[in-house]
Amino acid sequence: MSRRDCLFGCNDQSWSLCCSKYSGYSFSHNNVETDLSVKSISSRIGVFVDHRAGTLSFYSVSDTMSLIHTVQTTFTQPLYPGFRVFLWNNHETKFKF
C-alpha cells in the first residue's frame, strides 16, 4: 500500500468529503473523486452513519440540516471517525468538536 492509498477516500475502506470555498464540495472513495453540485459552503458539517442500513450521509449544519451527499454501501467492518484539515495561506481557522 502506498502513502497515497492511506489517505481518506483513496482506498476501498474510507470515504472523504472535501470542502473548499473556491471549488465547492467533492466526495472521494477508492481513489475516485466526484465533484458535488452543492454550491453554498458551510462552516459546520455533520456526518451520519447507519451501519445496519449501509448509509453514510454528510450534512451542512446551521439552524437546519441540509443534505450534501449520501452513500449507499455495505459496511463489513467497524467504522472509525477521522478528519484531515488543510490550511492554505496561513489563515487562522477555529475548530469545534
C-alpha atoms as a PDB file:
ATOM      1  CA  MET A   1       0.000   0.000   0.000  1.00  0.00           C
ATOM      2  CA  SER A   2       1.434   3.378  -0.998  1.00  0.00           C
ATOM      3  CA  ARG A   3       1.312   6.528   1.139  1.00  0.00           C
ATOM      4  CA  ARG A   4      -1.416   7.949  -1.079  1.00  0.00           C
ATOM      5  CA  ASP A   5      -3.536   4.838  -0.576  1.00  0.00           C
ATOM      6  CA  CYS A   6      -3.555   5.603   3.158  1.00  0.00           C
ATOM      7  CA  LEU A   7      -5.319   8.970   2.715  1.00  0.00           C
ATOM      8  CA  PHE A   8      -9.038   9.271   3.445  1.00  0.00           C
ATOM      9  CA  GLY A   9     -11.016   8.464   0.314  1.00  0.00           C
ATOM     10  CA  CYS A  10      -8.054   6.925  -1.507  1.00  0.00           C
ATOM     11  CA  ASN A  11      -8.856   3.289  -0.697  1.00  0.00           C
ATOM     12  CA  ASP A  12     -11.859   0.973  -0.515  1.00  0.00           C
ATOM     13  CA  GLN A  13     -12.087   1.291   3.278  1.00  0.00           C
ATOM     14  CA  SER A  14     -12.574   5.049   3.657  1.00  0.00           C
ATOM     15  CA  TRP A  15     -14.772   7.879   2.424  1.00  0.00           C
ATOM     16  CA  SER A  16     -13.948  11.571   2.284  1.00  0.00           C
ATOM     17  CA  LEU A  17     -15.815  14.853   1.884  1.00  0.00           C
ATOM     18  CA  CYS A  18     -13.634  17.768   0.796  1.00  0.00           C
ATOM     19  CA  CYS A  19     -14.888  21.312   1.282  1.00  0.00           C
ATOM     20  CA  SER A  20     -13.317  24.346  -0.391  1.00  0.00           C
ATOM     21  CA  LYS A  21     -14.697  27.864  -0.586  1.00  0.00           C
ATOM     22  CA  TYR A  22     -13.065  28.067  -4.025  1.00  0.00           C
ATOM     23  CA  SER A  23     -14.158  24.806  -5.631  1.00  0.00           C
ATOM     24  CA  GLY A  24     -17.117  23.647  -3.507  1.00  0.00           C
ATOM     25  CA  TYR A  25     -17.605  20.089  -2.287  1.00  0.00           C
ATOM     26  CA  SER A  26     -16.167  16.858  -3.606  1.00  0.00           C
ATOM     27  CA  PHE A  27     -16.566  13.286  -2.408  1.00  0.00           C
ATOM     28  CA  SER A  28     -13.883  10.584  -2.625  1.00  0.00           C
ATOM     29  CA  HIS A  29     -13.899   6.818  -2.220  1.00  0.00           C
ATOM     30  CA  ASN A  30     -11.461   4.214  -3.530  1.00  0.00           C
ATOM     31  CA  ASN A  31      -9.370   6.941  -5.202  1.00  0.00           C
ATOM     32  CA  VAL A  32     -12.332   8.209  -7.260  1.00  0.00           C
ATOM     33  CA  GLU A  33     -13.225  11.872  -6.696  1.00  0.00           C
ATOM     34  CA  THR A  34     -16.668  13.217  -7.602  1.00  0.00           C
ATOM     35  CA  ASP A  35     -17.490  16.935  -7.689  1.00  0.00           C
ATOM     36  CA  LEU A  36     -20.804  17.645  -5.968  1.00  0.00           C
ATOM     37  CA  SER A  37     -23.287  20.214  -7.243  1.00  0.00           C
ATOM     38  CA  VAL A  38     -23.862  21.811  -3.813  1.00  0.00           C
ATOM     39  CA  LYS A  39     -22.870  25.463  -4.149  1.00  0.00           C
ATOM     40  CA  SER A  40     -23.041  27.057  -0.695  1.00  0.00           C
ATOM     41  CA  ILE A  41     -20.201  26.083   1.642  1.00  0.00           C
ATOM     42  CA  SER A  42     -20.955  25.551   5.323  1.00  0.00           C
ATOM     43  CA  SER A  43     -18.608  26.115   8.235  1.00  0.00           C
ATOM     44  CA  ARG A  44     -20.331  23.232  10.037  1.00  0.00           C
ATOM     45  CA  ILE A  45     -20.554  19.699   8.656  1.00  0.00           C
ATOM     46  CA  GLY A  46     -22.478  16.786  10.163  1.00  0.00           C
ATOM     47  CA  VAL A  47     -21.880  13.118   9.424  1.00  0.00           C
ATOM     48  CA  PHE A  48     -24.485  10.407   9.978  1.00  0.00           C
ATOM     49  CA  VAL A  49     -23.732   6.700   9.679  1.00  0.00           C
ATOM     50  CA  ASP A  50     -26.363   3.971   9.714  1.00  0.00           C
ATOM     51  CA  HIS A  51     -24.150   0.888   9.872  1.00  0.00           C
ATOM     52  CA  ARG A  52     -27.010  -1.579   9.584  1.00  0.00           C
ATOM     53  CA  ALA A  53     -28.626   0.198   6.611  1.00  0.00           C
ATOM     54  CA  GLY A  54     -25.246   0.848   4.965  1.00  0.00           C
ATOM     55  CA  THR A  55     -25.635   4.609   4.581  1.00  0.00           C
ATOM     56  CA  LEU A  56     -23.126   7.388   5.137  1.00  0.00           C
ATOM     57  CA  SER A  57     -24.538  10.920   4.886  1.00  0.00           C
ATOM     58  CA  PHE A  58     -22.902  14.344   5.045  1.00  0.00           C
ATOM     59  CA  TYR A  59     -24.931  17.416   6.043  1.00  0.00           C
ATOM     60  CA  SER A  60     -24.459  21.156   6.081  1.00  0.00           C
ATOM     61  CA  VAL A  61     -25.470  22.281   9.578  1.00  0.00           C
ATOM     62  CA  SER A  62     -26.885  25.681  10.516  1.00  0.00           C
ATOM     63  CA  ASP A  63     -30.282  26.318  12.114  1.00  0.00           C
ATOM     64  CA  THR A  64     -31.351  23.397   9.940  1.00  0.00           C
ATOM     65  CA  MET A  65     -29.549  20.495   8.297  1.00  0.00           C
ATOM     66  CA  SER A  66     -29.228  20.244   4.514  1.00  0.00           C
ATOM     67  CA  LEU A  67     -28.098  17.037   2.848  1.00  0.00           C
ATOM     68  CA  ILE A  68     -24.837  17.358   0.904  1.00  0.00           C
ATOM     69  CA  HIS A  69     -24.266  13.744  -0.120  1.00  0.00           C
ATOM     70  CA  THR A  70     -25.303  10.183   0.796  1.00  0.00           C
ATOM     71  CA  VAL A  71     -23.507   6.948   0.003  1.00  0.00           C
ATOM     72  CA  GLN A  72     -25.140   3.517  -0.028  1.00  0.00           C
ATOM     73  CA  THR A  73     -22.720   0.687   0.718  1.00  0.00           C
ATOM     74  CA  THR A  74     -22.220  -2.433   2.797  1.00  0.00           C
ATOM     75  CA  PHE A  75     -20.096  -1.938   5.882  1.00  0.00           C
ATOM     76  CA  THR A  76     -18.254  -5.168   6.655  1.00  0.00           C
ATOM     77  CA  GLN A  77     -16.036  -3.907   9.487  1.00  0.00           C
ATOM     78  CA  PRO A  78     -16.344  -1.488  12.415  1.00  0.00           C
ATOM     79  CA  LEU A  79     -16.172   2.188  11.412  1.00  0.00           C
ATOM     80  CA  TYR A  80     -13.871   4.781  12.938  1.00  0.00           C
ATOM     81  CA  PRO A  81     -14.257   8.550  12.503  1.00  0.00           C
ATOM     82  CA  GLY A  82     -11.363  10.658  11.341  1.00  0.00           C
ATOM     83  CA  PHE A  83     -10.698  14.065   9.868  1.00  0.00           C
ATOM     84  CA  ARG A  84      -7.989  15.848   7.980  1.00  0.00           C
ATOM     85  CA  VAL A  85      -7.527  19.610   7.799  1.00  0.00           C
ATOM     86  CA  PHE A  86      -5.705  21.634   5.155  1.00  0.00           C
ATOM     87  CA  LEU A  87      -4.901  25.259   5.919  1.00  0.00           C
ATOM     88  CA  TRP A  88      -3.984  27.459   2.981  1.00  0.00           C
ATOM     89  CA  ASN A  89      -2.096  30.776   3.123  1.00  0.00           C
ATOM     90  CA  ASN A  90      -1.683  30.606   6.923  1.00  0.00           C
ATOM     91  CA  HIS A  91      -5.300  31.637   7.549  1.00  0.00           C
ATOM     92  CA  GLU A  92      -6.442  31.288  11.135  1.00  0.00           C
ATOM     93  CA  THR A  93      -9.185  28.703  11.499  1.00  0.00           C
ATOM     94  CA  LYS A  94     -11.147  27.618  14.577  1.00  0.00           C
ATOM     95  CA  PHE A  95     -12.448  24.092  15.036  1.00  0.00           C
ATOM     96  CA  LYS A  96     -15.036  22.774  17.498  1.00  0.00           C
ATOM     97  CA  PHE A  97     -15.833  19.123  18.072  1.00  0.00           C
END
